[in-house]
Amino acid sequence: MHGRPRKAPKPEDTAASAAKAEKLRALQSQLLHNHHNRIYTKEALEISAKLLEANPESYTAWNYRKLAVEHNLKQSEYDPGSVKSVLSEELKVFAT
């Protein structure tokens, strides 16, 4: 906080932070690859969900999910059961 000197991080904290950063970089890389290539598969949406769990402030991941849901809804607009499935899967991400 304000006015307090920082404590040096412990080695195990540094290692945990580095592992978390590596995981985030890998997820972001996969998400950006999917986003640029317009890949909207279920696996791609799972990757974006994992990234958003780790970093909910990733606006690129939220925008990608929006595009993916729109794409999947257009693909299934003639089947009400499929539309319901797409929307219920999306609500699971928001509810967690």
PDB file of N, CA and C in Angstrom:
ATOM      1  N   MET A   1       0.824  -1.185   0.000  1.00  0.00           N
ATOM      2  CA  MET A   1       0.000   0.000   0.000  1.00  0.00           C
ATOM      3  C   MET A   1       0.869   1.250   0.000  1.00  0.00           C
ATOM      4  N   HIS A   2       0.240   2.359   0.098  1.00  0.00           N
ATOM      5  CA  HIS A   2       0.947   3.631   0.040  1.00  0.00           C
ATOM      6  C   HIS A   2       1.823   3.840   1.266  1.00  0.00           C
ATOM      7  N   GLY A   3       3.032   4.275   1.048  1.00  0.00           N
ATOM      8  CA  GLY A   3       3.938   4.600   2.129  1.00  0.00           C
ATOM      9  C   GLY A   3       4.632   3.407   2.749  1.00  0.00           C
ATOM     10  N   ARG A   4       4.387   2.227   2.271  1.00  0.00           N
ATOM     11  CA  ARG A   4       5.034   1.041   2.823  1.00  0.00           C
ATOM     12  C   ARG A   4       6.058   0.531   1.821  1.00  0.00           C
ATOM     13  N   PRO A   5       7.223   0.172   2.322  1.00  0.00           N
ATOM     14  CA  PRO A   5       8.224  -0.367   1.390  1.00  0.00           C
ATOM     15  C   PRO A   5       7.807  -1.749   0.884  1.00  0.00           C
ATOM     16  N   ARG A   6       8.190  -2.044  -0.334  1.00  0.00           N
ATOM     17  CA  ARG A   6       7.890  -3.349  -0.918  1.00  0.00           C
ATOM     18  C   ARG A   6       8.795  -4.412  -0.332  1.00  0.00           C
ATOM     19  N   LYS A   7       8.228  -5.584  -0.187  1.00  0.00           N
ATOM     20  CA  LYS A   7       9.024  -6.717   0.262  1.00  0.00           C
ATOM     21  C   LYS A   7       9.502  -7.454  -0.974  1.00  0.00           C
ATOM     22  N   ALA A   8      10.684  -8.008  -0.895  1.00  0.00           N
ATOM     23  CA  ALA A   8      11.211  -8.802  -2.011  1.00  0.00           C
ATOM     24  C   ALA A   8      10.376 -10.065  -2.154  1.00  0.00           C
ATOM     25  N   PRO A   9      10.025 -10.423  -3.388  1.00  0.00           N
ATOM     26  CA  PRO A   9       9.217 -11.640  -3.572  1.00  0.00           C
ATOM     27  C   PRO A   9      10.017 -12.890  -3.208  1.00  0.00           C
ATOM     28  N   LYS A  10       9.313 -13.854  -2.688  1.00  0.00           N
ATOM     29  CA  LYS A  10       9.931 -15.127  -2.343  1.00  0.00           C
ATOM     30  C   LYS A  10      10.175 -15.906  -3.631  1.00  0.00           C
ATOM     31  N   PRO A  11      11.169 -16.778  -3.636  1.00  0.00           N
ATOM     32  CA  PRO A  11      11.451 -17.560  -4.859  1.00  0.00           C
ATOM     33  C   PRO A  11      10.262 -18.376  -5.347  1.00  0.00           C
ATOM     34  N   GLU A  12       9.493 -18.947  -4.418  1.00  0.00           N
ATOM     35  CA  GLU A  12       8.341 -19.737  -4.852  1.00  0.00           C
ATOM     36  C   GLU A  12       7.245 -18.846  -5.446  1.00  0.00           C
ATOM     37  N   ASP A  13       7.125 -17.596  -4.950  1.00  0.00           N
ATOM     38  CA  ASP A  13       6.171 -16.651  -5.534  1.00  0.00           C
ATOM     39  C   ASP A  13       6.596 -16.256  -6.942  1.00  0.00           C
ATOM     40  N   THR A  14       7.888 -16.064  -7.125  1.00  0.00           N
ATOM     41  CA  THR A  14       8.413 -15.702  -8.440  1.00  0.00           C
ATOM     42  C   THR A  14       8.185 -16.841  -9.430  1.00  0.00           C
ATOM     43  N   ALA A  15       8.413 -18.070  -8.993  1.00  0.00           N
ATOM     44  CA  ALA A  15       8.215 -19.226  -9.870  1.00  0.00           C
ATOM     45  C   ALA A  15       6.743 -19.389 -10.225  1.00  0.00           C
ATOM     46  N   ALA A  16       5.851 -19.195  -9.262  1.00  0.00           N
ATOM     47  CA  ALA A  16       4.416 -19.311  -9.520  1.00  0.00           C
ATOM     48  C   ALA A  16       3.956 -18.217 -10.475  1.00  0.00           C
ATOM     49  N   SER A  17       4.469 -17.035 -10.296  1.00  0.00           N
ATOM     50  CA  SER A  17       4.115 -15.922 -11.166  1.00  0.00           C
ATOM     51  C   SER A  17       4.607 -16.163 -12.593  1.00  0.00           C
ATOM     52  N   ALA A  18       5.797 -16.703 -12.722  1.00  0.00           N
ATOM     53  CA  ALA A  18       6.345 -17.002 -14.048  1.00  0.00           C
ATOM     54  C   ALA A  18       5.537 -18.108 -14.735  1.00  0.00           C
ATOM     55  N   ALA A  19       5.102 -19.109 -13.978  1.00  0.00           N
ATOM     56  CA  ALA A  19       4.303 -20.192 -14.548  1.00  0.00           C
ATOM     57  C   ALA A  19       2.943 -19.673 -15.005  1.00  0.00           C
ATOM     58  N   LYS A  20       2.347 -18.803 -14.200  1.00  0.00           N
ATOM     59  CA  LYS A  20       1.057 -18.217 -14.568  1.00  0.00           C
ATOM     60  C   LYS A  20       1.196 -17.355 -15.820  1.00  0.00           C
ATOM     61  N   ALA A  21       2.258 -16.585 -15.903  1.00  0.00           N
ATOM     62  CA  ALA A  21       2.489 -15.737 -17.073  1.00  0.00           C
ATOM     63  C   ALA A  21       2.696 -16.583 -18.331  1.00  0.00           C
ATOM     64  N   GLU A  22       3.416 -17.682 -18.205  1.00  0.00           N
ATOM     65  CA  GLU A  22       3.639 -18.575 -19.351  1.00  0.00           C
ATOM     66  C   GLU A  22       2.324 -19.191 -19.825  1.00  0.00           C
ATOM     67  N   LYS A  23       1.481 -19.589 -18.870  1.00  0.00           N
ATOM     68  CA  LYS A  23       0.177 -20.155 -19.209  1.00  0.00           C
ATOM     69  C   LYS A  23      -0.679 -19.112 -19.939  1.00  0.00           C
ATOM     70  N   LEU A  24      -0.682 -17.885 -19.429  1.00  0.00           N
ATOM     71  CA  LEU A  24      -1.447 -16.813 -20.065  1.00  0.00           C
ATOM     72  C   LEU A  24      -0.945 -16.525 -21.475  1.00  0.00           C
ATOM     73  N   ARG A  25       0.370 -16.506 -21.656  1.00  0.00           N
ATOM     74  CA  ARG A  25       0.938 -16.261 -22.985  1.00  0.00           C
ATOM     75  C   ARG A  25       0.528 -17.344 -23.968  1.00  0.00           C
ATOM     76  N   ALA A  26       0.554 -18.596 -23.519  1.00  0.00           N
ATOM     77  CA  ALA A  26       0.175 -19.712 -24.396  1.00  0.00           C
ATOM     78  C   ALA A  26      -1.297 -19.619 -24.782  1.00  0.00           C
ATOM     79  N   LEU A  27      -2.159 -19.336 -23.807  1.00  0.00           N
ATOM     80  CA  LEU A  27      -3.586 -19.209 -24.098  1.00  0.00           C
ATOM     81  C   LEU A  27      -3.859 -18.026 -25.025  1.00  0.00           C
ATOM     82  N   GLN A  28      -3.180 -16.909 -24.774  1.00  0.00           N
ATOM     83  CA  GLN A  28      -3.363 -15.727 -25.627  1.00  0.00           C
ATOM     84  C   GLN A  28      -2.898 -15.996 -27.045  1.00  0.00           C
ATOM     85  N   SER A  29      -1.807 -16.698 -27.186  1.00  0.00           N
ATOM     86  CA  SER A  29      -1.293 -17.025 -28.507  1.00  0.00           C
ATOM     87  C   SER A  29      -2.285 -17.889 -29.275  1.00  0.00           C
ATOM     88  N   GLN A  30      -2.839 -18.898 -28.603  1.00  0.00           N
ATOM     89  CA  GLN A  30      -3.822 -19.765 -29.244  1.00  0.00           C
ATOM     90  C   GLN A  30      -5.082 -18.982 -29.609  1.00  0.00           C
ATOM     91  N   LEU A  31      -5.523 -18.105 -28.704  1.00  0.00           N
ATOM     92  CA  LEU A  31      -6.718 -17.314 -28.963  1.00  0.00           C
ATOM     93  C   LEU A  31      -6.512 -16.396 -30.156  1.00  0.00           C
ATOM     94  N   LEU A  32      -5.374 -15.725 -30.211  1.00  0.00           N
ATOM     95  CA  LEU A  32      -5.109 -14.820 -31.326  1.00  0.00           C
ATOM     96  C   LEU A  32      -5.022 -15.577 -32.650  1.00  0.00           C
ATOM     97  N   HIS A  33      -4.443 -16.766 -32.630  1.00  0.00           N
ATOM     98  CA  HIS A  33      -4.389 -17.589 -33.833  1.00  0.00           C
ATOM     99  C   HIS A  33      -5.806 -17.925 -34.308  1.00  0.00           C
ATOM    100  N   ASN A  34      -6.645 -18.350 -33.361  1.00  0.00           N
ATOM    101  CA  ASN A  34      -8.031 -18.678 -33.708  1.00  0.00           C
ATOM    102  C   ASN A  34      -8.792 -17.448 -34.194  1.00  0.00           C
ATOM    103  N   HIS A  35      -8.542 -16.329 -33.554  1.00  0.00           N
ATOM    104  CA  HIS A  35      -9.247 -15.093 -33.909  1.00  0.00           C
ATOM    105  C   HIS A  35      -8.871 -14.627 -35.322  1.00  0.00           C
ATOM    106  N   HIS A  36      -7.598 -14.626 -35.622  1.00  0.00           N
ATOM    107  CA  HIS A  36      -7.140 -14.168 -36.940  1.00  0.00           C
ATOM    108  C   HIS A  36      -7.589 -15.104 -38.057  1.00  0.00           C
ATOM    109  N   ASN A  37      -7.702 -16.394 -37.751  1.00  0.00           N
ATOM    110  CA  ASN A  37      -8.106 -17.371 -38.760  1.00  0.00           C
ATOM    111  C   ASN A  37      -9.609 -17.674 -38.727  1.00  0.00           C
ATOM    112  N   ARG A  38     -10.330 -16.953 -37.890  1.00  0.00           N
ATOM    113  CA  ARG A  38     -11.790 -17.100 -37.761  1.00  0.00           C
ATOM    114  C   ARG A  38     -12.198 -18.552 -37.495  1.00  0.00           C
ATOM    115  N   ILE A  39     -11.557 -19.135 -36.509  1.00  0.00           N
ATOM    116  CA  ILE A  39     -11.863 -20.505 -36.085  1.00  0.00           C
ATOM    117  C   ILE A  39     -12.793 -20.403 -34.879  1.00  0.00           C
ATOM    118  N   TYR A  40     -14.004 -20.927 -35.035  1.00  0.00           N
ATOM    119  CA  TYR A  40     -15.006 -20.801 -33.980  1.00  0.00           C
ATOM    120  C   TYR A  40     -15.501 -22.164 -33.504  1.00  0.00           C
ATOM    121  N   THR A  41     -14.600 -23.103 -33.353  1.00  0.00           N
ATOM    122  CA  THR A  41     -14.965 -24.449 -32.907  1.00  0.00           C
ATOM    123  C   THR A  41     -15.196 -24.452 -31.397  1.00  0.00           C
ATOM    124  N   LYS A  42     -15.723 -25.572 -30.923  1.00  0.00           N
ATOM    125  CA  LYS A  42     -15.962 -25.723 -29.489  1.00  0.00           C
ATOM    126  C   LYS A  42     -14.642 -25.668 -28.710  1.00  0.00           C
ATOM    127  N   GLU A  43     -13.604 -26.275 -29.273  1.00  0.00           N
ATOM    128  CA  GLU A  43     -12.288 -26.260 -28.613  1.00  0.00           C
ATOM    129  C   GLU A  43     -11.742 -24.837 -28.521  1.00  0.00           C
ATOM    130  N   ALA A  44     -11.958 -24.049 -29.571  1.00  0.00           N
ATOM    131  CA  ALA A  44     -11.487 -22.670 -29.561  1.00  0.00           C
ATOM    132  C   ALA A  44     -12.223 -21.854 -28.503  1.00  0.00           C
ATOM    133  N   LEU A  45     -13.506 -22.115 -28.338  1.00  0.00           N
ATOM    134  CA  LEU A  45     -14.268 -21.417 -27.302  1.00  0.00           C
ATOM    135  C   LEU A  45     -13.819 -21.844 -25.907  1.00  0.00           C
ATOM    136  N   GLU A  46     -13.406 -23.097 -25.749  1.00  0.00           N
ATOM    137  CA  GLU A  46     -12.889 -23.550 -24.459  1.00  0.00           C
ATOM    138  C   GLU A  46     -11.582 -22.838 -24.119  1.00  0.00           C
ATOM    139  N   ILE A  47     -10.757 -22.615 -25.122  1.00  0.00           N
ATOM    140  CA  ILE A  47      -9.503 -21.884 -24.901  1.00  0.00           C
ATOM    141  C   ILE A  47      -9.801 -20.464 -24.437  1.00  0.00           C
ATOM    142  N   SER A  48     -10.763 -19.820 -25.089  1.00  0.00           N
ATOM    143  CA  SER A  48     -11.092 -18.452 -24.677  1.00  0.00           C
ATOM    144  C   SER A  48     -11.697 -18.436 -23.276  1.00  0.00           C
ATOM    145  N   ALA A  49     -12.464 -19.459 -22.918  1.00  0.00           N
ATOM    146  CA  ALA A  49     -13.031 -19.531 -21.569  1.00  0.00           C
ATOM    147  C   ALA A  49     -11.924 -19.674 -20.523  1.00  0.00           C
ATOM    148  N   LYS A  50     -10.916 -20.498 -20.815  1.00  0.00           N
ATOM    149  CA  LYS A  50      -9.791 -20.659 -19.888  1.00  0.00           C
ATOM    150  C   LYS A  50      -9.041 -19.341 -19.720  1.00  0.00           C
ATOM    151  N   LEU A  51      -8.843 -18.638 -20.840  1.00  0.00           N
ATOM    152  CA  LEU A  51      -8.147 -17.354 -20.766  1.00  0.00           C
ATOM    153  C   LEU A  51      -8.952 -16.362 -19.942  1.00  0.00           C
ATOM    154  N   LEU A  52     -10.254 -16.332 -20.134  1.00  0.00           N
ATOM    155  CA  LEU A  52     -11.081 -15.392 -19.382  1.00  0.00           C
ATOM    156  C   LEU A  52     -11.174 -15.753 -17.901  1.00  0.00           C
ATOM    157  N   GLU A  53     -11.068 -17.026 -17.574  1.00  0.00           N
ATOM    158  CA  GLU A  53     -11.007 -17.411 -16.160  1.00  0.00           C
ATOM    159  C   GLU A  53      -9.745 -16.864 -15.514  1.00  0.00           C
ATOM    160  N   ALA A  54      -8.637 -16.957 -16.235  1.00  0.00           N
ATOM    161  CA  ALA A  54      -7.365 -16.489 -15.699  1.00  0.00           C
ATOM    162  C   ALA A  54      -7.250 -14.971 -15.738  1.00  0.00           C
ATOM    163  N   ASN A  55      -7.827 -14.354 -16.783  1.00  0.00           N
ATOM    164  CA  ASN A  55      -7.723 -12.904 -16.939  1.00  0.00           C
ATOM    165  C   ASN A  55      -9.027 -12.358 -17.522  1.00  0.00           C
ATOM    166  N   PRO A  56      -9.994 -12.051 -16.665  1.00  0.00           N
ATOM    167  CA  PRO A  56     -11.290 -11.586 -17.168  1.00  0.00           C
ATOM    168  C   PRO A  56     -11.236 -10.209 -17.830  1.00  0.00           C
ATOM    169  N   GLU A  57     -10.120  -9.517 -17.740  1.00  0.00           N
ATOM    170  CA  GLU A  57     -10.000  -8.202 -18.363  1.00  0.00           C
ATOM    171  C   GLU A  57      -9.427  -8.275 -19.778  1.00  0.00           C
ATOM    172  N   SER A  58      -9.375  -9.449 -20.350  1.00  0.00           N
ATOM    173  CA  SER A  58      -8.876  -9.621 -21.718  1.00  0.00           C
ATOM    174  C   SER A  58     -10.004  -9.292 -22.702  1.00  0.00           C
ATOM    175  N   TYR A  59     -10.025  -8.047 -23.147  1.00  0.00           N
ATOM    176  CA  TYR A  59     -11.097  -7.591 -24.031  1.00  0.00           C
ATOM    177  C   TYR A  59     -11.071  -8.301 -25.376  1.00  0.00           C
ATOM    178  N   THR A  60      -9.909  -8.678 -25.832  1.00  0.00           N
ATOM    179  CA  THR A  60      -9.812  -9.416 -27.086  1.00  0.00           C
ATOM    180  C   THR A  60     -10.530 -10.756 -26.976  1.00  0.00           C
ATOM    181  N   ALA A  61     -10.387 -11.418 -25.826  1.00  0.00           N
ATOM    182  CA  ALA A  61     -11.057 -12.707 -25.630  1.00  0.00           C
ATOM    183  C   ALA A  61     -12.573 -12.529 -25.584  1.00  0.00           C
ATOM    184  N   TRP A  62     -13.046 -11.472 -24.950  1.00  0.00           N
ATOM    185  CA  TRP A  62     -14.488 -11.212 -24.917  1.00  0.00           C
ATOM    186  C   TRP A  62     -15.017 -10.919 -26.320  1.00  0.00           C
ATOM    187  N   ASN A  63     -14.288 -10.105 -27.077  1.00  0.00           N
ATOM    188  CA  ASN A  63     -14.724  -9.793 -28.441  1.00  0.00           C
ATOM    189  C   ASN A  63     -14.714 -11.034 -29.325  1.00  0.00           C
ATOM    190  N   TYR A  64     -13.711 -11.884 -29.138  1.00  0.00           N
ATOM    191  CA  TYR A  64     -13.659 -13.136 -29.893  1.00  0.00           C
ATOM    192  C   TYR A  64     -14.869 -14.007 -29.566  1.00  0.00           C
ATOM    193  N   ARG A  65     -15.207 -14.111 -28.295  1.00  0.00           N
ATOM    194  CA  ARG A  65     -16.374 -14.912 -27.902  1.00  0.00           C
ATOM    195  C   ARG A  65     -17.642 -14.358 -28.526  1.00  0.00           C
ATOM    196  N   LYS A  66     -17.754 -13.037 -28.559  1.00  0.00           N
ATOM    197  CA  LYS A  66     -18.942 -12.426 -29.165  1.00  0.00           C
ATOM    198  C   LYS A  66     -19.043 -12.824 -30.633  1.00  0.00           C
ATOM    199  N   LEU A  67     -17.938 -12.731 -31.352  1.00  0.00           N
ATOM    200  CA  LEU A  67     -17.935 -13.107 -32.762  1.00  0.00           C
ATOM    201  C   LEU A  67     -18.232 -14.601 -32.942  1.00  0.00           C
ATOM    202  N   ALA A  68     -17.679 -15.419 -32.067  1.00  0.00           N
ATOM    203  CA  ALA A  68     -17.895 -16.859 -32.166  1.00  0.00           C
ATOM    204  C   ALA A  68     -19.356 -17.216 -31.904  1.00  0.00           C
ATOM    205  N   VAL A  69     -19.957 -16.591 -30.905  1.00  0.00           N
ATOM    206  CA  VAL A  69     -21.364 -16.871 -30.608  1.00  0.00           C
ATOM    207  C   VAL A  69     -22.243 -16.402 -31.758  1.00  0.00           C
ATOM    208  N   GLU A  70     -21.952 -15.219 -32.301  1.00  0.00           N
ATOM    209  CA  GLU A  70     -22.725 -14.733 -33.453  1.00  0.00           C
ATOM    210  C   GLU A  70     -22.601 -15.706 -34.625  1.00  0.00           C
ATOM    211  N   HIS A  71     -21.384 -16.179 -34.877  1.00  0.00           N
ATOM    212  CA  HIS A  71     -21.156 -17.124 -35.977  1.00  0.00           C
ATOM    213  C   HIS A  71     -21.923 -18.416 -35.744  1.00  0.00           C
ATOM    214  N   ASN A  72     -21.841 -18.953 -34.526  1.00  0.00           N
ATOM    215  CA  ASN A  72     -22.514 -20.210 -34.217  1.00  0.00           C
ATOM    216  C   ASN A  72     -24.033 -20.056 -34.250  1.00  0.00           C
ATOM    217  N   LEU A  73     -24.535 -18.892 -33.877  1.00  0.00           N
ATOM    218  CA  LEU A  73     -25.978 -18.661 -33.962  1.00  0.00           C
ATOM    219  C   LEU A  73     -26.444 -18.583 -35.414  1.00  0.00           C
ATOM    220  N   LYS A  74     -25.643 -17.962 -36.265  1.00  0.00           N
ATOM    221  CA  LYS A  74     -25.996 -17.900 -37.684  1.00  0.00           C
ATOM    222  C   LYS A  74     -25.996 -19.295 -38.301  1.00  0.00           C
ATOM    223  N   GLN A  75     -25.066 -20.135 -37.862  1.00  0.00           N
ATOM    224  CA  GLN A  75     -24.985 -21.495 -38.385  1.00  0.00           C
ATOM    225  C   GLN A  75     -26.188 -22.340 -37.954  1.00  0.00           C
ATOM    226  N   SER A  76     -26.759 -22.016 -36.813  1.00  0.00           N
ATOM    227  CA  SER A  76     -27.833 -22.850 -36.276  1.00  0.00           C
ATOM    228  C   SER A  76     -29.160 -22.108 -36.173  1.00  0.00           C
ATOM    229  N   GLU A  77     -29.372 -21.112 -37.008  1.00  0.00           N
ATOM    230  CA  GLU A  77     -30.578 -20.287 -36.879  1.00  0.00           C
ATOM    231  C   GLU A  77     -31.861 -21.045 -37.206  1.00  0.00           C
ATOM    232  N   TYR A  78     -31.761 -22.151 -37.931  1.00  0.00           N
ATOM    233  CA  TYR A  78     -32.961 -22.896 -38.311  1.00  0.00           C
ATOM    234  C   TYR A  78     -33.326 -23.978 -37.298  1.00  0.00           C
ATOM    235  N   ASP A  79     -32.465 -24.215 -36.332  1.00  0.00           N
ATOM    236  CA  ASP A  79     -32.712 -25.264 -35.345  1.00  0.00           C
ATOM    237  C   ASP A  79     -32.807 -24.636 -33.954  1.00  0.00           C
ATOM    238  N   PRO A  80     -34.011 -24.503 -33.397  1.00  0.00           N
ATOM    239  CA  PRO A  80     -34.163 -23.862 -32.083  1.00  0.00           C
ATOM    240  C   PRO A  80     -33.402 -24.581 -30.975  1.00  0.00           C
ATOM    241  N   GLY A  81     -33.296 -25.901 -31.046  1.00  0.00           N
ATOM    242  CA  GLY A  81     -32.547 -26.640 -30.032  1.00  0.00           C
ATOM    243  C   GLY A  81     -31.074 -26.310 -30.048  1.00  0.00           C
ATOM    244  N   SER A  82     -30.540 -26.115 -31.238  1.00  0.00           N
ATOM    245  CA  SER A  82     -29.133 -25.769 -31.374  1.00  0.00           C
ATOM    246  C   SER A  82     -28.868 -24.347 -30.875  1.00  0.00           C
ATOM    247  N   VAL A  83     -29.784 -23.437 -31.148  1.00  0.00           N
ATOM    248  CA  VAL A  83     -29.652 -22.059 -30.656  1.00  0.00           C
ATOM    249  C   VAL A  83     -29.639 -22.065 -29.128  1.00  0.00           C
ATOM    250  N   LYS A  84     -30.537 -22.839 -28.547  1.00  0.00           N
ATOM    251  CA  LYS A  84     -30.602 -22.932 -27.090  1.00  0.00           C
ATOM    252  C   LYS A  84     -29.307 -23.504 -26.526  1.00  0.00           C
ATOM    253  N   SER A  85     -28.741 -24.480 -27.204  1.00  0.00           N
ATOM    254  CA  SER A  85     -27.491 -25.086 -26.769  1.00  0.00           C
ATOM    255  C   SER A  85     -26.337 -24.081 -26.794  1.00  0.00           C
ATOM    256  N   VAL A  86     -26.243 -23.309 -27.878  1.00  0.00           N
ATOM    257  CA  VAL A  86     -25.178 -22.304 -28.002  1.00  0.00           C
ATOM    258  C   VAL A  86     -25.296 -21.275 -26.882  1.00  0.00           C
ATOM    259  N   LEU A  87     -26.508 -20.797 -26.644  1.00  0.00           N
ATOM    260  CA  LEU A  87     -26.701 -19.768 -25.623  1.00  0.00           C
ATOM    261  C   LEU A  87     -26.493 -20.310 -24.211  1.00  0.00           C
ATOM    262  N   SER A  88     -26.889 -21.531 -23.947  1.00  0.00           N
ATOM    263  CA  SER A  88     -26.686 -22.088 -22.612  1.00  0.00           C
ATOM    264  C   SER A  88     -25.200 -22.316 -22.331  1.00  0.00           C
ATOM    265  N   GLU A  89     -24.446 -22.724 -23.352  1.00  0.00           N
ATOM    266  CA  GLU A  89     -22.995 -22.872 -23.181  1.00  0.00           C
ATOM    267  C   GLU A  89     -22.344 -21.528 -22.873  1.00  0.00           C
ATOM    268  N   GLU A  90     -22.814 -20.483 -23.516  1.00  0.00           N
ATOM    269  CA  GLU A  90     -22.251 -19.149 -23.287  1.00  0.00           C
ATOM    270  C   GLU A  90     -22.606 -18.657 -21.888  1.00  0.00           C
ATOM    271  N   LEU A  91     -23.798 -18.941 -21.431  1.00  0.00           N
ATOM    272  CA  LEU A  91     -24.189 -18.520 -20.092  1.00  0.00           C
ATOM    273  C   LEU A  91     -23.383 -19.212 -19.004  1.00  0.00           C
ATOM    274  N   LYS A  92     -22.913 -20.427 -19.271  1.00  0.00           N
ATOM    275  CA  LYS A  92     -22.071 -21.137 -18.298  1.00  0.00           C
ATOM    276  C   LYS A  92     -20.773 -20.379 -18.046  1.00  0.00           C
ATOM    277  N   VAL A  93     -20.238 -19.758 -19.103  1.00  0.00           N
ATOM    278  CA  VAL A  93     -18.996 -18.990 -18.953  1.00  0.00           C
ATOM    279  C   VAL A  93     -19.257 -17.738 -18.121  1.00  0.00           C
ATOM    280  N   PHE A  94     -20.376 -17.077 -18.394  1.00  0.00           N
ATOM    281  CA  PHE A  94     -20.682 -15.852 -17.660  1.00  0.00           C
ATOM    282  C   PHE A  94     -21.016 -16.114 -16.210  1.00  0.00           C
ATOM    283  N   ALA A  95     -21.621 -17.258 -15.923  1.00  0.00           N
ATOM    284  CA  ALA A  95     -22.059 -17.567 -14.568  1.00  0.00           C
ATOM    285  C   ALA A  95     -20.898 -17.923 -13.651  1.00  0.00           C
ATOM    286  N   THR A  96     -19.769 -18.352 -14.210  1.00  0.00           N
ATOM    287  CA  THR A  96     -18.649 -18.768 -13.370  1.00  0.00           C
ATOM    288  C   THR A  96     -17.781 -17.620 -12.963  1.00  0.00           C
TER     289      THR A  96
END
